[in-house]
Every structure is written in C-alpha cells, then in structure tokens.
C-alpha atoms as a PDB file:
ATOM      1  CA  GLN A   1      11.099  62.013  -0.364  1.00  0.00           C
ATOM      2  CA  VAL A   2       9.999  64.557  -3.210  1.00  0.00           C
ATOM      3  CA  GLN A   3      10.944  68.131  -2.964  1.00  0.00           C
ATOM      4  CA  LEU A   4       8.751  70.854  -4.457  1.00  0.00           C
ATOM      5  CA  VAL A   5      10.490  74.327  -4.889  1.00  0.00           C
ATOM      6  CA  GLU A   6       8.599  77.171  -5.738  1.00  0.00           C
ATOM      7  CA  SER A   7       9.423  80.685  -7.162  1.00  0.00           C
ATOM      8  CA  GLY A   8       8.019  83.403  -9.123  1.00  0.00           C
ATOM      9  CA  GLY A   9       5.853  85.563  -6.559  1.00  0.00           C
ATOM     10  CA  GLY A  10       5.744  88.990  -5.640  1.00  0.00           C
ATOM     11  CA  LEU A  11       4.328  92.271  -5.821  1.00  0.00           C
ATOM     12  CA  VAL A  12       2.011  93.270  -8.581  1.00  0.00           C
ATOM     13  CA  GLN A  13      -0.607  95.919  -9.179  1.00  0.00           C
ATOM     14  CA  ALA A  14      -3.815  95.236  -9.972  1.00  0.00           C
ATOM     15  CA  GLY A  15      -4.502  93.832 -13.560  1.00  0.00           C
ATOM     16  CA  GLY A  16      -0.927  92.557 -14.024  1.00  0.00           C
ATOM     17  CA  SER A  17       0.483  89.351 -14.434  1.00  0.00           C
ATOM     18  CA  LEU A  18       2.732  86.790 -12.628  1.00  0.00           C
ATOM     19  CA  ARG A  19       3.971  83.339 -13.183  1.00  0.00           C
ATOM     20  CA  LEU A  20       4.529  80.993 -10.478  1.00  0.00           C
ATOM     21  CA  SER A  21       6.975  78.080 -11.174  1.00  0.00           C
ATOM     22  CA  CYS A  22       7.276  74.740  -9.017  1.00  0.00           C
ATOM     23  CA  ALA A  23      10.327  72.618  -9.463  1.00  0.00           C
ATOM     24  CA  ALA A  24       9.841  68.917  -8.226  1.00  0.00           C
ATOM     25  CA  SER A  25      12.715  66.428  -7.570  1.00  0.00           C
ATOM     26  CA  SER A  26      11.352  63.033  -8.833  1.00  0.00           C
ATOM     27  CA  ARG A  27      12.011  60.809 -11.421  1.00  0.00           C
ATOM     28  CA  THR A  28       7.882  59.823 -11.697  1.00  0.00           C
ATOM     29  CA  PHE A  29       6.800  63.311 -11.936  1.00  0.00           C
ATOM     30  CA  SER A  30       5.280  62.882 -15.189  1.00  0.00           C
ATOM     31  CA  ASN A  31       2.788  60.382 -13.511  1.00  0.00           C
ATOM     32  CA  TYR A  32       1.547  63.020 -10.876  1.00  0.00           C
ATOM     33  CA  GLY A  33      -1.488  64.852 -10.180  1.00  0.00           C
ATOM     34  CA  LEU A  34      -0.419  68.342  -9.733  1.00  0.00           C
ATOM     35  CA  GLY A  35      -2.025  71.498  -8.110  1.00  0.00           C
ATOM     36  CA  TRP A  36      -1.971  74.859  -6.623  1.00  0.00           C
ATOM     37  CA  PHE A  37      -3.504  76.093  -3.886  1.00  0.00           C
ATOM     38  CA  ARG A  38      -3.516  79.558  -2.040  1.00  0.00           C
ATOM     39  CA  GLN A  39      -4.176  80.777   1.457  1.00  0.00           C
ATOM     40  CA  ALA A  40      -4.659  84.257   2.653  1.00  0.00           C
ATOM     41  CA  PRO A  41      -4.459  85.530   6.166  1.00  0.00           C
ATOM     42  CA  GLY A  42      -6.925  84.266   8.609  1.00  0.00           C
ATOM     43  CA  LYS A  43      -8.264  81.847   5.616  1.00  0.00           C
ATOM     44  CA  GLU A  44      -7.991  78.291   4.839  1.00  0.00           C
ATOM     45  CA  ARG A  45      -6.233  77.158   2.080  1.00  0.00           C
ATOM     46  CA  GLU A  46      -7.868  76.918  -1.277  1.00  0.00           C
ATOM     47  CA  PHE A  47      -7.781  75.124  -4.376  1.00  0.00           C
ATOM     48  CA  VAL A  48      -6.976  77.331  -7.534  1.00  0.00           C
ATOM     49  CA  ALA A  49      -6.241  74.861 -10.186  1.00  0.00           C
ATOM     50  CA  ALA A  50      -4.952  71.221 -11.034  1.00  0.00           C
ATOM     51  CA  ILE A  51      -3.614  69.319 -13.943  1.00  0.00           C
ATOM     52  CA  MET A  52      -3.768  65.594 -14.438  1.00  0.00           C
ATOM     53  CA  TRP A  53      -0.536  63.666 -15.725  1.00  0.00           C
ATOM     54  CA  SER A  54      -2.722  63.304 -18.913  1.00  0.00           C
ATOM     55  CA  GLY A  55      -2.969  67.199 -19.387  1.00  0.00           C
ATOM     56  CA  THR A  56      -6.237  67.800 -18.384  1.00  0.00           C
ATOM     57  CA  THR A  57      -6.983  70.822 -16.249  1.00  0.00           C
ATOM     58  CA  SER A  58      -9.495  72.494 -13.626  1.00  0.00           C
ATOM     59  CA  TYR A  59      -9.894  75.481 -12.163  1.00  0.00           C
ATOM     60  CA  ALA A  60     -11.638  77.135  -9.337  1.00  0.00           C
ATOM     61  CA  ASP A  61     -14.608  79.283 -10.820  1.00  0.00           C
ATOM     62  CA  SER A  62     -12.710  82.342  -9.326  1.00  0.00           C
ATOM     63  CA  VAL A  63      -9.818  82.264 -11.512  1.00  0.00           C
ATOM     64  CA  LYS A  64     -11.177  80.777 -14.582  1.00  0.00           C
ATOM     65  CA  GLY A  65     -10.371  82.765 -17.615  1.00  0.00           C
ATOM     66  CA  ARG A  66      -7.341  84.766 -15.868  1.00  0.00           C
ATOM     67  CA  PHE A  67      -5.151  81.893 -14.481  1.00  0.00           C
ATOM     68  CA  THR A  68      -3.359  79.030 -16.747  1.00  0.00           C
ATOM     69  CA  ILE A  69      -2.057  75.752 -15.081  1.00  0.00           C
ATOM     70  CA  SER A  70       0.690  73.863 -17.216  1.00  0.00           C
ATOM     71  CA  ARG A  71       3.295  71.143 -16.515  1.00  0.00           C
ATOM     72  CA  ASP A  72       6.709  70.370 -18.638  1.00  0.00           C
ATOM     73  CA  ASN A  73       7.536  66.911 -17.686  1.00  0.00           C
ATOM     74  CA  GLN A  74      10.635  67.000 -19.307  1.00  0.00           C
ATOM     75  CA  LYS A  75      12.153  69.659 -16.831  1.00  0.00           C
ATOM     76  CA  ASN A  76       9.804  68.352 -13.777  1.00  0.00           C
ATOM     77  CA  ALA A  77       8.294  71.820 -13.354  1.00  0.00           C
ATOM     78  CA  LEU A  78       4.765  72.838 -12.800  1.00  0.00           C
ATOM     79  CA  TYR A  79       3.575  76.348 -13.617  1.00  0.00           C
ATOM     80  CA  LEU A  80       0.980  78.854 -12.944  1.00  0.00           C
ATOM     81  CA  GLN A  81       0.216  82.004 -15.225  1.00  0.00           C
ATOM     82  CA  MET A  82      -1.654  84.267 -13.314  1.00  0.00           C
ATOM     83  CA  LYS A  83      -3.160  87.365 -15.501  1.00  0.00           C
ATOM     84  CA  GLY A  84      -5.835  90.221 -14.504  1.00  0.00           C
ATOM     85  CA  LEU A  85      -4.816  89.862 -11.194  1.00  0.00           C
ATOM     86  CA  LYS A  86      -6.849  91.267  -8.279  1.00  0.00           C
ATOM     87  CA  PRO A  87      -6.395  92.160  -4.777  1.00  0.00           C
ATOM     88  CA  GLU A  88      -8.128  89.186  -3.408  1.00  0.00           C
ATOM     89  CA  ASP A  89      -5.786  87.116  -5.305  1.00  0.00           C
ATOM     90  CA  GLY A  90      -3.050  88.076  -2.887  1.00  0.00           C
ATOM     91  CA  ALA A  91      -2.091  84.708  -0.637  1.00  0.00           C
ATOM     92  CA  VAL A  92       0.467  82.551  -0.253  1.00  0.00           C
ATOM     93  CA  TYR A  93       0.580  79.971  -3.066  1.00  0.00           C
ATOM     94  CA  TYR A  94       1.570  76.374  -2.665  1.00  0.00           C
ATOM     95  CA  CYS A  95       2.245  73.985  -5.372  1.00  0.00           C
ATOM     96  CA  ALA A  96       1.095  70.176  -4.586  1.00  0.00           C
ATOM     97  CA  ALA A  97       1.790  66.713  -6.127  1.00  0.00           C
ATOM     98  CA  ASP A  98      -0.203  63.527  -5.665  1.00  0.00           C
ATOM     99  CA  ARG A  99       1.534  60.581  -6.702  1.00  0.00           C
ATOM    100  CA  GLU A 100      -1.257  58.385  -7.511  1.00  0.00           C
ATOM    101  CA  PRO A 101      -3.862  60.422  -9.035  1.00  0.00           C
ATOM    102  CA  CYS A 102      -7.178  58.740  -9.744  1.00  0.00           C
ATOM    103  CA  TYR A 103      -9.830  61.283 -10.654  1.00  0.00           C
ATOM    104  CA  GLN A 104      -9.568  64.867 -11.923  1.00  0.00           C
ATOM    105  CA  TYR A 105     -12.073  66.253  -9.458  1.00  0.00           C
ATOM    106  CA  ALA A 106     -10.157  64.791  -6.524  1.00  0.00           C
ATOM    107  CA  LEU A 107      -7.293  67.160  -7.280  1.00  0.00           C
ATOM    108  CA  GLU A 108      -9.474  69.891  -5.927  1.00  0.00           C
ATOM    109  CA  TYR A 109      -9.009  68.482  -2.402  1.00  0.00           C
ATOM    110  CA  ARG A 110      -6.095  68.979  -0.112  1.00  0.00           C
ATOM    111  CA  GLU A 111      -6.109  65.632   1.121  1.00  0.00           C
ATOM    112  CA  VAL A 112      -5.048  63.810  -1.636  1.00  0.00           C
ATOM    113  CA  TYR A 113      -1.699  65.428  -2.072  1.00  0.00           C
ATOM    114  CA  ASP A 114       1.296  63.951  -1.042  1.00  0.00           C
ATOM    115  CA  TYR A 115       3.928  66.595  -1.247  1.00  0.00           C
ATOM    116  CA  TRP A 116       3.652  70.402  -0.720  1.00  0.00           C
ATOM    117  CA  GLY A 117       6.031  73.285  -1.599  1.00  0.00           C
ATOM    118  CA  GLN A 118       7.100  75.815   1.093  1.00  0.00           C
ATOM    119  CA  GLY A 119       4.574  78.652  -0.242  1.00  0.00           C
ATOM    120  CA  ASN A 120       5.437  81.864  -2.286  1.00  0.00           C
ATOM    121  CA  GLN A 121       4.013  85.020  -1.538  1.00  0.00           C
ATOM    122  CA  VAL A 122       1.907  86.771  -4.091  1.00  0.00           C
ATOM    123  CA  THR A 123       0.732  90.359  -3.098  1.00  0.00           C
ATOM    124  CA  VAL A 124      -1.720  92.585  -5.510  1.00  0.00           C
ATOM    125  CA  SER A 125      -1.778  96.199  -4.740  1.00  0.00           C
ATOM    126  CA  PRO A 126      -4.949  98.219  -5.822  1.00  0.00           C
END
C-alpha cells in the first residue's frame, strides 16, 4: 500500500504564496501520474493540477499562471507552488497518485487515482 503524506498548508493573506509537498512511499513513484485536487466546504473535490511521469503538466483554468506543479522522483515527492492566492483558493488540498497513467487529460478525473493523501488545509484571508 502506497502512503501519501502532505505538508505545507496553512493560513496566508490574499496575494501570498504557499508551497504544498506530498511525500510518497513507493519504489515505482517515477512511473506514476500525480495530481492535486482541492475541496472547499459544501463543494465537490475538484481538479487543480497534474503531472505525468514524463513531466508533462496540466492545470485547471482557475489556477493557470498562478500555480506550478512539480515532482522530484529522486525524493519521491510532489509539490504545488501556489502564488497570487485568492480567498476562493481556500480549501483542503489532496495529492493523489495513479499507478498506471495512460493519458494526460485523464489525470483531471478523480476516478483514475489509486492513492490519496490525507488532505491539507489552505486558508486564504481577504
């Protein structure tokens, strides 16, 4: 069983920055498709960003140009650098891993992921 452990959330003012990290316990981490999702109170969990094993990335329109997803296969780590944060970015953020990724676009869908982190709260004050 692969474990994903997130860190780096917290409280930040609007316009500020945060960096989320996700550490994975897996020998085959470099083959995974990885993603970040978020869930605000009363809303469904939504796609934020994804990165394929090749390094190809994709983003939700709402975060393009402000968020950057990256991975370090040597450290079995996934990151989400968030800049220009807005109050509407406040949510619980989850990292996720797909063991057998096929297509970049599919990483936008929760159903393809095999493993999920525990969630990390990000709060953005006005």
